[in-house]
Amino acid sequence: LVESIAGAVMIDAGFDMQEGMRVITKVLLPELLRVAEAAPDANKNPVALVHELCAKLKLDLKLNFSSSSSSSSSNCKVVVDGMVVASRQGSSRKAAQRSACLAA
């Protein structure tokens, strides 16, 4: 959506970068900042968010890891109350964990 609006602004500005950035900064930037402030957890680590949410809701959380002997990748399953809610692969254990928690 943001890219569409920015593209429309640039077309309307005749692809004049200075004019386009003036309009985007005046119109779009304040709205993006408002949205970012309304969602304070948006920049928080997804692993921490999953842990906090499960603790708050008193749900049993397990992060199960596995790795393939044929590749250097790792897999992480997010298991909540015995049910797999997300499973992702990553180039490292940490990358797989972050990706799985983001998907959860």
PDB file of N, CA and C in Angstrom:
ATOM      1  N   LEU A   1       0.819  -1.190   0.000  1.00  0.00           N
ATOM      2  CA  LEU A   1       0.000   0.000   0.000  1.00  0.00           C
ATOM      3  C   LEU A   1       0.865   1.258   0.000  1.00  0.00           C
ATOM      4  N   VAL A   2       1.866   1.266   0.836  1.00  0.00           N
ATOM      5  CA  VAL A   2       2.759   2.428   0.928  1.00  0.00           C
ATOM      6  C   VAL A   2       3.478   2.645  -0.399  1.00  0.00           C
ATOM      7  N   GLU A   3       3.946   1.545  -0.980  1.00  0.00           N
ATOM      8  CA  GLU A   3       4.651   1.655  -2.258  1.00  0.00           C
ATOM      9  C   GLU A   3       3.718   2.173  -3.352  1.00  0.00           C
ATOM     10  N   SER A   4       2.469   1.760  -3.325  1.00  0.00           N
ATOM     11  CA  SER A   4       1.494   2.227  -4.320  1.00  0.00           C
ATOM     12  C   SER A   4       1.273   3.727  -4.192  1.00  0.00           C
ATOM     13  N   ILE A   5       1.135   4.186  -2.969  1.00  0.00           N
ATOM     14  CA  ILE A   5       0.920   5.621  -2.738  1.00  0.00           C
ATOM     15  C   ILE A   5       2.151   6.411  -3.168  1.00  0.00           C
ATOM     16  N   ALA A   6       3.330   5.920  -2.776  1.00  0.00           N
ATOM     17  CA  ALA A   6       4.563   6.617  -3.157  1.00  0.00           C
ATOM     18  C   ALA A   6       4.713   6.643  -4.675  1.00  0.00           C
ATOM     19  N   GLY A   7       4.391   5.542  -5.346  1.00  0.00           N
ATOM     20  CA  GLY A   7       4.456   5.495  -6.803  1.00  0.00           C
ATOM     21  C   GLY A   7       3.498   6.474  -7.445  1.00  0.00           C
ATOM     22  N   ALA A   8       2.268   6.561  -6.921  1.00  0.00           N
ATOM     23  CA  ALA A   8       1.284   7.498  -7.452  1.00  0.00           C
ATOM     24  C   ALA A   8       1.745   8.942  -7.268  1.00  0.00           C
ATOM     25  N   VAL A   9       2.349   9.212  -6.121  1.00  0.00           N
ATOM     26  CA  VAL A   9       2.868  10.562  -5.861  1.00  0.00           C
ATOM     27  C   VAL A   9       3.961  10.900  -6.866  1.00  0.00           C
ATOM     28  N   MET A  10       4.850   9.955  -7.123  1.00  0.00           N
ATOM     29  CA  MET A  10       5.945  10.205  -8.066  1.00  0.00           C
ATOM     30  C   MET A  10       5.414  10.431  -9.490  1.00  0.00           C
ATOM     31  N   ILE A  11       4.403   9.675  -9.880  1.00  0.00           N
ATOM     32  CA  ILE A  11       3.801   9.880 -11.210  1.00  0.00           C
ATOM     33  C   ILE A  11       3.168  11.260 -11.284  1.00  0.00           C
ATOM     34  N   ASP A  12       2.397  11.618 -10.244  1.00  0.00           N
ATOM     35  CA  ASP A  12       1.759  12.938 -10.215  1.00  0.00           C
ATOM     36  C   ASP A  12       2.781  14.071 -10.210  1.00  0.00           C
ATOM     37  N   ALA A  13       3.947  13.816  -9.623  1.00  0.00           N
ATOM     38  CA  ALA A  13       4.992  14.842  -9.552  1.00  0.00           C
ATOM     39  C   ALA A  13       5.840  14.852 -10.823  1.00  0.00           C
ATOM     40  N   GLY A  14       5.441  14.059 -11.809  1.00  0.00           N
ATOM     41  CA  GLY A  14       6.196  14.005 -13.062  1.00  0.00           C
ATOM     42  C   GLY A  14       7.582  13.424 -12.882  1.00  0.00           C
ATOM     43  N   PHE A  15       7.728  12.508 -11.923  1.00  0.00           N
ATOM     44  CA  PHE A  15       8.999  11.850 -11.594  1.00  0.00           C
ATOM     45  C   PHE A  15      10.076  12.842 -11.161  1.00  0.00           C
ATOM     46  N   ASP A  16       9.629  14.005 -10.676  1.00  0.00           N
ATOM     47  CA  ASP A  16      10.550  14.989 -10.090  1.00  0.00           C
ATOM     48  C   ASP A  16      10.829  14.528  -8.661  1.00  0.00           C
ATOM     49  N   MET A  17      12.035  14.031  -8.423  1.00  0.00           N
ATOM     50  CA  MET A  17      12.388  13.449  -7.132  1.00  0.00           C
ATOM     51  C   MET A  17      12.201  14.427  -5.981  1.00  0.00           C
ATOM     52  N   GLN A  18      12.595  15.677  -6.176  1.00  0.00           N
ATOM     53  CA  GLN A  18      12.478  16.671  -5.115  1.00  0.00           C
ATOM     54  C   GLN A  18      11.014  16.912  -4.746  1.00  0.00           C
ATOM     55  N   GLU A  19      10.180  17.100  -5.742  1.00  0.00           N
ATOM     56  CA  GLU A  19       8.758  17.340  -5.498  1.00  0.00           C
ATOM     57  C   GLU A  19       8.103  16.095  -4.893  1.00  0.00           C
ATOM     58  N   GLY A  20       8.440  14.937  -5.422  1.00  0.00           N
ATOM     59  CA  GLY A  20       7.880  13.692  -4.891  1.00  0.00           C
ATOM     60  C   GLY A  20       8.231  13.481  -3.430  1.00  0.00           C
ATOM     61  N   MET A  21       9.483  13.699  -3.080  1.00  0.00           N
ATOM     62  CA  MET A  21       9.912  13.534  -1.687  1.00  0.00           C
ATOM     63  C   MET A  21       9.280  14.585  -0.773  1.00  0.00           C
ATOM     64  N   ARG A  22       9.063  15.776  -1.290  1.00  0.00           N
ATOM     65  CA  ARG A  22       8.400  16.811  -0.491  1.00  0.00           C
ATOM     66  C   ARG A  22       6.991  16.372  -0.113  1.00  0.00           C
ATOM     67  N   VAL A  23       6.265  15.855  -1.094  1.00  0.00           N
ATOM     68  CA  VAL A  23       4.893  15.416  -0.839  1.00  0.00           C
ATOM     69  C   VAL A  23       4.869  14.177   0.052  1.00  0.00           C
ATOM     70  N   ILE A  24       5.738  13.221  -0.232  1.00  0.00           N
ATOM     71  CA  ILE A  24       5.782  11.999   0.575  1.00  0.00           C
ATOM     72  C   ILE A  24       6.125  12.324   2.020  1.00  0.00           C
ATOM     73  N   THR A  25       7.112  13.191   2.223  1.00  0.00           N
ATOM     74  CA  THR A  25       7.511  13.569   3.577  1.00  0.00           C
ATOM     75  C   THR A  25       6.389  14.289   4.305  1.00  0.00           C
ATOM     76  N   LYS A  26       5.665  15.145   3.600  1.00  0.00           N
ATOM     77  CA  LYS A  26       4.593  15.922   4.220  1.00  0.00           C
ATOM     78  C   LYS A  26       3.350  15.077   4.498  1.00  0.00           C
ATOM     79  N   VAL A  27       3.008  14.187   3.582  1.00  0.00           N
ATOM     80  CA  VAL A  27       1.753  13.447   3.690  1.00  0.00           C
ATOM     81  C   VAL A  27       1.928  12.048   4.278  1.00  0.00           C
ATOM     82  N   LEU A  28       2.858  11.297   3.747  1.00  0.00           N
ATOM     83  CA  LEU A  28       2.984   9.888   4.096  1.00  0.00           C
ATOM     84  C   LEU A  28       3.762   9.641   5.380  1.00  0.00           C
ATOM     85  N   LEU A  29       4.836  10.351   5.599  1.00  0.00           N
ATOM     86  CA  LEU A  29       5.682  10.118   6.763  1.00  0.00           C
ATOM     87  C   LEU A  29       4.937  10.276   8.093  1.00  0.00           C
ATOM     88  N   PRO A  30       4.145  11.319   8.286  1.00  0.00           N
ATOM     89  CA  PRO A  30       3.421  11.435   9.559  1.00  0.00           C
ATOM     90  C   PRO A  30       2.484  10.245   9.810  1.00  0.00           C
ATOM     91  N   GLU A  31       1.862   9.742   8.761  1.00  0.00           N
ATOM     92  CA  GLU A  31       0.962   8.599   8.916  1.00  0.00           C
ATOM     93  C   GLU A  31       1.740   7.338   9.275  1.00  0.00           C
ATOM     94  N   LEU A  32       2.887   7.131   8.651  1.00  0.00           N
ATOM     95  CA  LEU A  32       3.716   5.971   8.985  1.00  0.00           C
ATOM     96  C   LEU A  32       4.215   6.043  10.426  1.00  0.00           C
ATOM     97  N   LEU A  33       4.584   7.214  10.872  1.00  0.00           N
ATOM     98  CA  LEU A  33       5.033   7.377  12.258  1.00  0.00           C
ATOM     99  C   LEU A  33       3.892   7.121  13.236  1.00  0.00           C
ATOM    100  N   ARG A  34       2.688   7.552  12.882  1.00  0.00           N
ATOM    101  CA  ARG A  34       1.515   7.325  13.735  1.00  0.00           C
ATOM    102  C   ARG A  34       1.250   5.827  13.871  1.00  0.00           C
ATOM    103  N   VAL A  35       1.330   5.099  12.782  1.00  0.00           N
ATOM    104  CA  VAL A  35       1.108   3.655  12.800  1.00  0.00           C
ATOM    105  C   VAL A  35       2.192   2.964  13.622  1.00  0.00           C
ATOM    106  N   ALA A  36       3.433   3.379  13.455  1.00  0.00           N
ATOM    107  CA  ALA A  36       4.542   2.779  14.201  1.00  0.00           C
ATOM    108  C   ALA A  36       4.387   3.007  15.707  1.00  0.00           C
ATOM    109  N   GLU A  37       3.915   4.176  16.094  1.00  0.00           N
ATOM    110  CA  GLU A  37       3.713   4.471  17.516  1.00  0.00           C
ATOM    111  C   GLU A  37       2.547   3.679  18.083  1.00  0.00           C
ATOM    112  N   ALA A  38       1.542   3.388  17.268  1.00  0.00           N
ATOM    113  CA  ALA A  38       0.374   2.640  17.716  1.00  0.00           C
ATOM    114  C   ALA A  38       0.699   1.161  17.930  1.00  0.00           C
ATOM    115  N   ALA A  39       1.754   0.686  17.322  1.00  0.00           N
ATOM    116  CA  ALA A  39       2.152  -0.715  17.450  1.00  0.00           C
ATOM    117  C   ALA A  39       3.549  -0.790  18.054  1.00  0.00           C
ATOM    118  N   PRO A  40       3.691  -0.541  19.353  1.00  0.00           N
ATOM    119  CA  PRO A  40       5.018  -0.494  19.967  1.00  0.00           C
ATOM    120  C   PRO A  40       5.762  -1.819  19.914  1.00  0.00           C
ATOM    121  N   ASP A  41       5.046  -2.938  19.805  1.00  0.00           N
ATOM    122  CA  ASP A  41       5.712  -4.241  19.765  1.00  0.00           C
ATOM    123  C   ASP A  41       6.187  -4.623  18.374  1.00  0.00           C
ATOM    124  N   ALA A  42       5.902  -3.788  17.378  1.00  0.00           N
ATOM    125  CA  ALA A  42       6.231  -4.129  15.995  1.00  0.00           C
ATOM    126  C   ALA A  42       7.728  -4.346  15.800  1.00  0.00           C
ATOM    127  N   ASN A  43       8.550  -3.660  16.566  1.00  0.00           N
ATOM    128  CA  ASN A  43      10.001  -3.788  16.402  1.00  0.00           C
ATOM    129  C   ASN A  43      10.629  -4.737  17.413  1.00  0.00           C
ATOM    130  N   LYS A  44       9.791  -5.378  18.231  1.00  0.00           N
ATOM    131  CA  LYS A  44      10.294  -6.267  19.256  1.00  0.00           C
ATOM    132  C   LYS A  44      10.658  -7.624  18.647  1.00  0.00           C
ATOM    133  N   ASN A  45      11.602  -8.277  19.234  1.00  0.00           N
ATOM    134  CA  ASN A  45      12.049  -9.580  18.794  1.00  0.00           C
ATOM    135  C   ASN A  45      10.870 -10.565  18.812  1.00  0.00           C
ATOM    136  N   PRO A  46      10.581 -11.242  17.676  1.00  0.00           N
ATOM    137  CA  PRO A  46       9.440 -12.158  17.632  1.00  0.00           C
ATOM    138  C   PRO A  46       9.553 -13.326  18.625  1.00  0.00           C
ATOM    139  N   VAL A  47      10.772 -13.750  18.940  1.00  0.00           N
ATOM    140  CA  VAL A  47      10.951 -14.831  19.914  1.00  0.00           C
ATOM    141  C   VAL A  47      10.484 -14.357  21.288  1.00  0.00           C
ATOM    142  N   ALA A  48      10.869 -13.148  21.657  1.00  0.00           N
ATOM    143  CA  ALA A  48      10.439 -12.583  22.942  1.00  0.00           C
ATOM    144  C   ALA A  48       8.928 -12.395  22.980  1.00  0.00           C
ATOM    145  N   LEU A  49       8.345 -11.943  21.881  1.00  0.00           N
ATOM    146  CA  LEU A  49       6.890 -11.752  21.826  1.00  0.00           C
ATOM    147  C   LEU A  49       6.139 -13.059  22.040  1.00  0.00           C
ATOM    148  N   VAL A  50       6.599 -14.135  21.393  1.00  0.00           N
ATOM    149  CA  VAL A  50       5.945 -15.440  21.550  1.00  0.00           C
ATOM    150  C   VAL A  50       6.062 -15.915  22.999  1.00  0.00           C
ATOM    151  N   HIS A  51       7.253 -15.775  23.582  1.00  0.00           N
ATOM    152  CA  HIS A  51       7.442 -16.175  24.983  1.00  0.00           C
ATOM    153  C   HIS A  51       6.528 -15.378  25.907  1.00  0.00           C
ATOM    154  N   GLU A  52       6.470 -14.067  25.717  1.00  0.00           N
ATOM    155  CA  GLU A  52       5.640 -13.205  26.566  1.00  0.00           C
ATOM    156  C   GLU A  52       4.155 -13.525  26.423  1.00  0.00           C
ATOM    157  N   LEU A  53       3.706 -13.725  25.202  1.00  0.00           N
ATOM    158  CA  LEU A  53       2.296 -14.021  24.968  1.00  0.00           C
ATOM    159  C   LEU A  53       1.898 -15.352  25.599  1.00  0.00           C
ATOM    160  N   CYS A  54       2.719 -16.362  25.418  1.00  0.00           N
ATOM    161  CA  CYS A  54       2.407 -17.664  26.006  1.00  0.00           C
ATOM    162  C   CYS A  54       2.421 -17.605  27.533  1.00  0.00           C
ATOM    163  N   ALA A  55       3.357 -16.873  28.103  1.00  0.00           N
ATOM    164  CA  ALA A  55       3.411 -16.721  29.558  1.00  0.00           C
ATOM    165  C   ALA A  55       2.162 -15.992  30.061  1.00  0.00           C
ATOM    166  N   LYS A  56       1.778 -14.942  29.358  1.00  0.00           N
ATOM    167  CA  LYS A  56       0.610 -14.152  29.750  1.00  0.00           C
ATOM    168  C   LYS A  56      -0.671 -14.987  29.696  1.00  0.00           C
ATOM    169  N   LEU A  57      -0.782 -15.836  28.671  1.00  0.00           N
ATOM    170  CA  LEU A  57      -1.979 -16.667  28.500  1.00  0.00           C
ATOM    171  C   LEU A  57      -1.861 -18.021  29.195  1.00  0.00           C
ATOM    172  N   LYS A  58      -0.746 -18.234  29.901  1.00  0.00           N
ATOM    173  CA  LYS A  58      -0.469 -19.480  30.621  1.00  0.00           C
ATOM    174  C   LYS A  58      -0.550 -20.695  29.694  1.00  0.00           C
ATOM    175  N   LEU A  59       0.105 -20.556  28.544  1.00  0.00           N
ATOM    176  CA  LEU A  59       0.181 -21.647  27.568  1.00  0.00           C
ATOM    177  C   LEU A  59       1.562 -22.270  27.624  1.00  0.00           C
ATOM    178  N   ASP A  60       1.623 -23.572  27.422  1.00  0.00           N
ATOM    179  CA  ASP A  60       2.897 -24.289  27.411  1.00  0.00           C
ATOM    180  C   ASP A  60       3.574 -24.073  26.065  1.00  0.00           C
ATOM    181  N   LEU A  61       4.762 -23.519  26.072  1.00  0.00           N
ATOM    182  CA  LEU A  61       5.507 -23.235  24.845  1.00  0.00           C
ATOM    183  C   LEU A  61       6.762 -24.076  24.787  1.00  0.00           C
ATOM    184  N   LYS A  62       6.959 -24.691  23.623  1.00  0.00           N
ATOM    185  CA  LYS A  62       8.202 -25.419  23.382  1.00  0.00           C
ATOM    186  C   LYS A  62       8.705 -25.032  21.996  1.00  0.00           C
ATOM    187  N   LEU A  63      10.001 -24.851  21.901  1.00  0.00           N
ATOM    188  CA  LEU A  63      10.649 -24.617  20.611  1.00  0.00           C
ATOM    189  C   LEU A  63      11.500 -25.853  20.336  1.00  0.00           C
ATOM    190  N   ASN A  64      11.086 -26.623  19.340  1.00  0.00           N
ATOM    191  CA  ASN A  64      11.787 -27.860  19.006  1.00  0.00           C
ATOM    192  C   ASN A  64      12.684 -27.628  17.796  1.00  0.00           C
ATOM    193  N   PHE A  65      13.938 -27.991  17.942  1.00  0.00           N
ATOM    194  CA  PHE A  65      14.915 -27.790  16.877  1.00  0.00           C
ATOM    195  C   PHE A  65      15.371 -29.124  16.299  1.00  0.00           C
ATOM    196  N   SER A  66      15.643 -29.086  15.009  1.00  0.00           N
ATOM    197  CA  SER A  66      16.249 -30.237  14.348  1.00  0.00           C
ATOM    198  C   SER A  66      17.133 -29.705  13.234  1.00  0.00           C
ATOM    199  N   SER A  67      18.088 -30.534  12.842  1.00  0.00           N
ATOM    200  CA  SER A  67      18.957 -30.128  11.740  1.00  0.00           C
ATOM    201  C   SER A  67      19.179 -31.327  10.839  1.00  0.00           C
ATOM    202  N   SER A  68      19.397 -31.035   9.595  1.00  0.00           N
ATOM    203  CA  SER A  68      19.628 -32.076   8.605  1.00  0.00           C
ATOM    204  C   SER A  68      21.123 -32.362   8.518  1.00  0.00           C
ATOM    205  N   SER A  69      21.467 -33.620   8.504  1.00  0.00           N
ATOM    206  CA  SER A  69      22.889 -33.969   8.400  1.00  0.00           C
ATOM    207  C   SER A  69      23.416 -33.696   6.990  1.00  0.00           C
ATOM    208  N   SER A  70      22.485 -33.616   6.019  1.00  0.00           N
ATOM    209  CA  SER A  70      22.915 -33.394   4.632  1.00  0.00           C
ATOM    210  C   SER A  70      23.042 -31.914   4.283  1.00  0.00           C
ATOM    211  N   SER A  71      22.507 -31.044   5.138  1.00  0.00           N
ATOM    212  CA  SER A  71      22.638 -29.606   4.864  1.00  0.00           C
ATOM    213  C   SER A  71      22.980 -28.881   6.156  1.00  0.00           C
ATOM    214  N   SER A  72      23.375 -27.649   6.032  1.00  0.00           N
ATOM    215  CA  SER A  72      23.773 -26.879   7.212  1.00  0.00           C
ATOM    216  C   SER A  72      22.599 -26.085   7.784  1.00  0.00           C
ATOM    217  N   SER A  73      21.376 -26.360   7.333  1.00  0.00           N
ATOM    218  CA  SER A  73      20.228 -25.610   7.817  1.00  0.00           C
ATOM    219  C   SER A  73      19.637 -26.243   9.074  1.00  0.00           C
ATOM    220  N   SER A  74      18.890 -25.427   9.801  1.00  0.00           N
ATOM    221  CA  SER A  74      18.204 -25.873  11.010  1.00  0.00           C
ATOM    222  C   SER A  74      16.712 -25.660  10.840  1.00  0.00           C
ATOM    223  N   ASN A  75      15.937 -26.427  11.579  1.00  0.00           N
ATOM    224  CA  ASN A  75      14.491 -26.286  11.551  1.00  0.00           C
ATOM    225  C   ASN A  75      14.004 -26.015  12.965  1.00  0.00           C
ATOM    226  N   CYS A  76      13.019 -25.155  13.103  1.00  0.00           N
ATOM    227  CA  CYS A  76      12.441 -24.860  14.404  1.00  0.00           C
ATOM    228  C   CYS A  76      10.926 -24.997  14.318  1.00  0.00           C
ATOM    229  N   LYS A  77      10.358 -25.735  15.265  1.00  0.00           N
ATOM    230  CA  LYS A  77       8.910 -25.864  15.379  1.00  0.00           C
ATOM    231  C   LYS A  77       8.468 -25.143  16.644  1.00  0.00           C
ATOM    232  N   VAL A  78       7.457 -24.292  16.513  1.00  0.00           N
ATOM    233  CA  VAL A  78       6.858 -23.626  17.661  1.00  0.00           C
ATOM    234  C   VAL A  78       5.667 -24.485  18.072  1.00  0.00           C
ATOM    235  N   VAL A  79       5.738 -25.047  19.286  1.00  0.00           N
ATOM    236  CA  VAL A  79       4.686 -25.935  19.773  1.00  0.00           C
ATOM    237  C   VAL A  79       4.021 -25.269  20.973  1.00  0.00           C
ATOM    238  N   VAL A  80       2.718 -25.018  20.854  1.00  0.00           N
ATOM    239  CA  VAL A  80       1.957 -24.376  21.923  1.00  0.00           C
ATOM    240  C   VAL A  80       0.885 -25.353  22.398  1.00  0.00           C
ATOM    241  N   ASP A  81       0.940 -25.681  23.681  1.00  0.00           N
ATOM    242  CA  ASP A  81       0.023 -26.658  24.274  1.00  0.00           C
ATOM    243  C   ASP A  81      -0.058 -27.940  23.451  1.00  0.00           C
ATOM    244  N   GLY A  82       1.092 -28.426  23.014  1.00  0.00           N
ATOM    245  CA  GLY A  82       1.174 -29.685  22.295  1.00  0.00           C
ATOM    246  C   GLY A  82       0.840 -29.621  20.815  1.00  0.00           C
ATOM    247  N   MET A  83       0.484 -28.438  20.304  1.00  0.00           N
ATOM    248  CA  MET A  83       0.126 -28.302  18.897  1.00  0.00           C
ATOM    249  C   MET A  83       1.173 -27.467  18.162  1.00  0.00           C
ATOM    250  N   VAL A  84       1.653 -27.966  17.027  1.00  0.00           N
ATOM    251  CA  VAL A  84       2.620 -27.225  16.222  1.00  0.00           C
ATOM    252  C   VAL A  84       1.878 -26.071  15.542  1.00  0.00           C
ATOM    253  N   VAL A  85       2.277 -24.846  15.865  1.00  0.00           N
ATOM    254  CA  VAL A  85       1.622 -23.671  15.276  1.00  0.00           C
ATOM    255  C   VAL A  85       2.446 -23.056  14.152  1.00  0.00           C
ATOM    256  N   ALA A  86       3.733 -23.375  14.102  1.00  0.00           N
ATOM    257  CA  ALA A  86       4.593 -22.868  13.027  1.00  0.00           C
ATOM    258  C   ALA A  86       5.855 -23.716  12.962  1.00  0.00           C
ATOM    259  N   SER A  87       6.381 -23.822  11.763  1.00  0.00           N
ATOM    260  CA  SER A  87       7.631 -24.543  11.552  1.00  0.00           C
ATOM    261  C   SER A  87       8.367 -23.857  10.414  1.00  0.00           C
ATOM    262  N   ARG A  88       9.615 -23.495  10.657  1.00  0.00           N
ATOM    263  CA  ARG A  88      10.394 -22.803   9.634  1.00  0.00           C
ATOM    264  C   ARG A  88      11.831 -23.303   9.643  1.00  0.00           C
ATOM    265  N   GLN A  89      12.449 -23.152   8.494  1.00  0.00           N
ATOM    266  CA  GLN A  89      13.836 -23.547   8.311  1.00  0.00           C
ATOM    267  C   GLN A  89      14.679 -22.286   8.176  1.00  0.00           C
ATOM    268  N   GLY A  90      15.918 -22.348   8.649  1.00  0.00           N
ATOM    269  CA  GLY A  90      16.816 -21.209   8.538  1.00  0.00           C
ATOM    270  C   GLY A  90      18.253 -21.663   8.357  1.00  0.00           C
ATOM    271  N   SER A  91      19.081 -20.731   7.999  1.00  0.00           N
ATOM    272  CA  SER A  91      20.491 -21.046   7.769  1.00  0.00           C
ATOM    273  C   SER A  91      21.235 -21.342   9.069  1.00  0.00           C
ATOM    274  N   SER A  92      20.628 -20.944  10.194  1.00  0.00           N
ATOM    275  CA  SER A  92      21.199 -21.234  11.509  1.00  0.00           C
ATOM    276  C   SER A  92      20.046 -21.506  12.467  1.00  0.00           C
ATOM    277  N   ARG A  93      20.389 -21.998  13.636  1.00  0.00           N
ATOM    278  CA  ARG A  93      19.368 -22.262  14.653  1.00  0.00           C
ATOM    279  C   ARG A  93      18.620 -20.967  15.013  1.00  0.00           C
ATOM    280  N   LYS A  94      19.374 -19.899  15.175  1.00  0.00           N
ATOM    281  CA  LYS A  94      18.790 -18.607  15.540  1.00  0.00           C
ATOM    282  C   LYS A  94      17.862 -18.083  14.442  1.00  0.00           C
ATOM    283  N   ALA A  95      18.277 -18.209  13.182  1.00  0.00           N
ATOM    284  CA  ALA A  95      17.460 -17.743  12.060  1.00  0.00           C
ATOM    285  C   ALA A  95      16.168 -18.551  11.956  1.00  0.00           C
ATOM    286  N   ALA A  96      16.270 -19.864  12.159  1.00  0.00           N
ATOM    287  CA  ALA A  96      15.085 -20.719  12.114  1.00  0.00           C
ATOM    288  C   ALA A  96      14.126 -20.373  13.247  1.00  0.00           C
ATOM    289  N   GLN A  97      14.661 -20.130  14.429  1.00  0.00           N
ATOM    290  CA  GLN A  97      13.845 -19.776  15.588  1.00  0.00           C
ATOM    291  C   GLN A  97      13.115 -18.459  15.359  1.00  0.00           C
ATOM    292  N   ARG A  98      13.828 -17.475  14.884  1.00  0.00           N
ATOM    293  CA  ARG A  98      13.225 -16.155  14.646  1.00  0.00           C
ATOM    294  C   ARG A  98      12.130 -16.252  13.583  1.00  0.00           C
ATOM    295  N   SER A  99      12.404 -16.972  12.512  1.00  0.00           N
ATOM    296  CA  SER A  99      11.442 -17.125  11.426  1.00  0.00           C
ATOM    297  C   SER A  99      10.187 -17.870  11.893  1.00  0.00           C
ATOM    298  N   ALA A 100      10.381 -18.931  12.665  1.00  0.00           N
ATOM    299  CA  ALA A 100       9.238 -19.718  13.160  1.00  0.00           C
ATOM    300  C   ALA A 100       8.384 -18.897  14.114  1.00  0.00           C
ATOM    301  N   CYS A 101       9.031 -18.145  14.995  1.00  0.00           N
ATOM    302  CA  CYS A 101       8.273 -17.321  15.943  1.00  0.00           C
ATOM    303  C   CYS A 101       7.544 -16.187  15.236  1.00  0.00           C
ATOM    304  N   LEU A 102       8.133 -15.656  14.205  1.00  0.00           N
ATOM    305  CA  LEU A 102       7.471 -14.615  13.416  1.00  0.00           C
ATOM    306  C   LEU A 102       6.232 -15.201  12.738  1.00  0.00           C
ATOM    307  N   ALA A 103       6.320 -16.428  12.248  1.00  0.00           N
ATOM    308  CA  ALA A 103       5.189 -17.073  11.595  1.00  0.00           C
ATOM    309  C   ALA A 103       4.094 -17.438  12.588  1.00  0.00           C
ATOM    310  N   ALA A 104       4.485 -17.722  13.831  1.00  0.00           N
ATOM    311  CA  ALA A 104       3.503 -18.097  14.845  1.00  0.00           C
ATOM    312  C   ALA A 104       2.640 -16.911  15.202  1.00  0.00           C
TER     313      ALA A 104
END
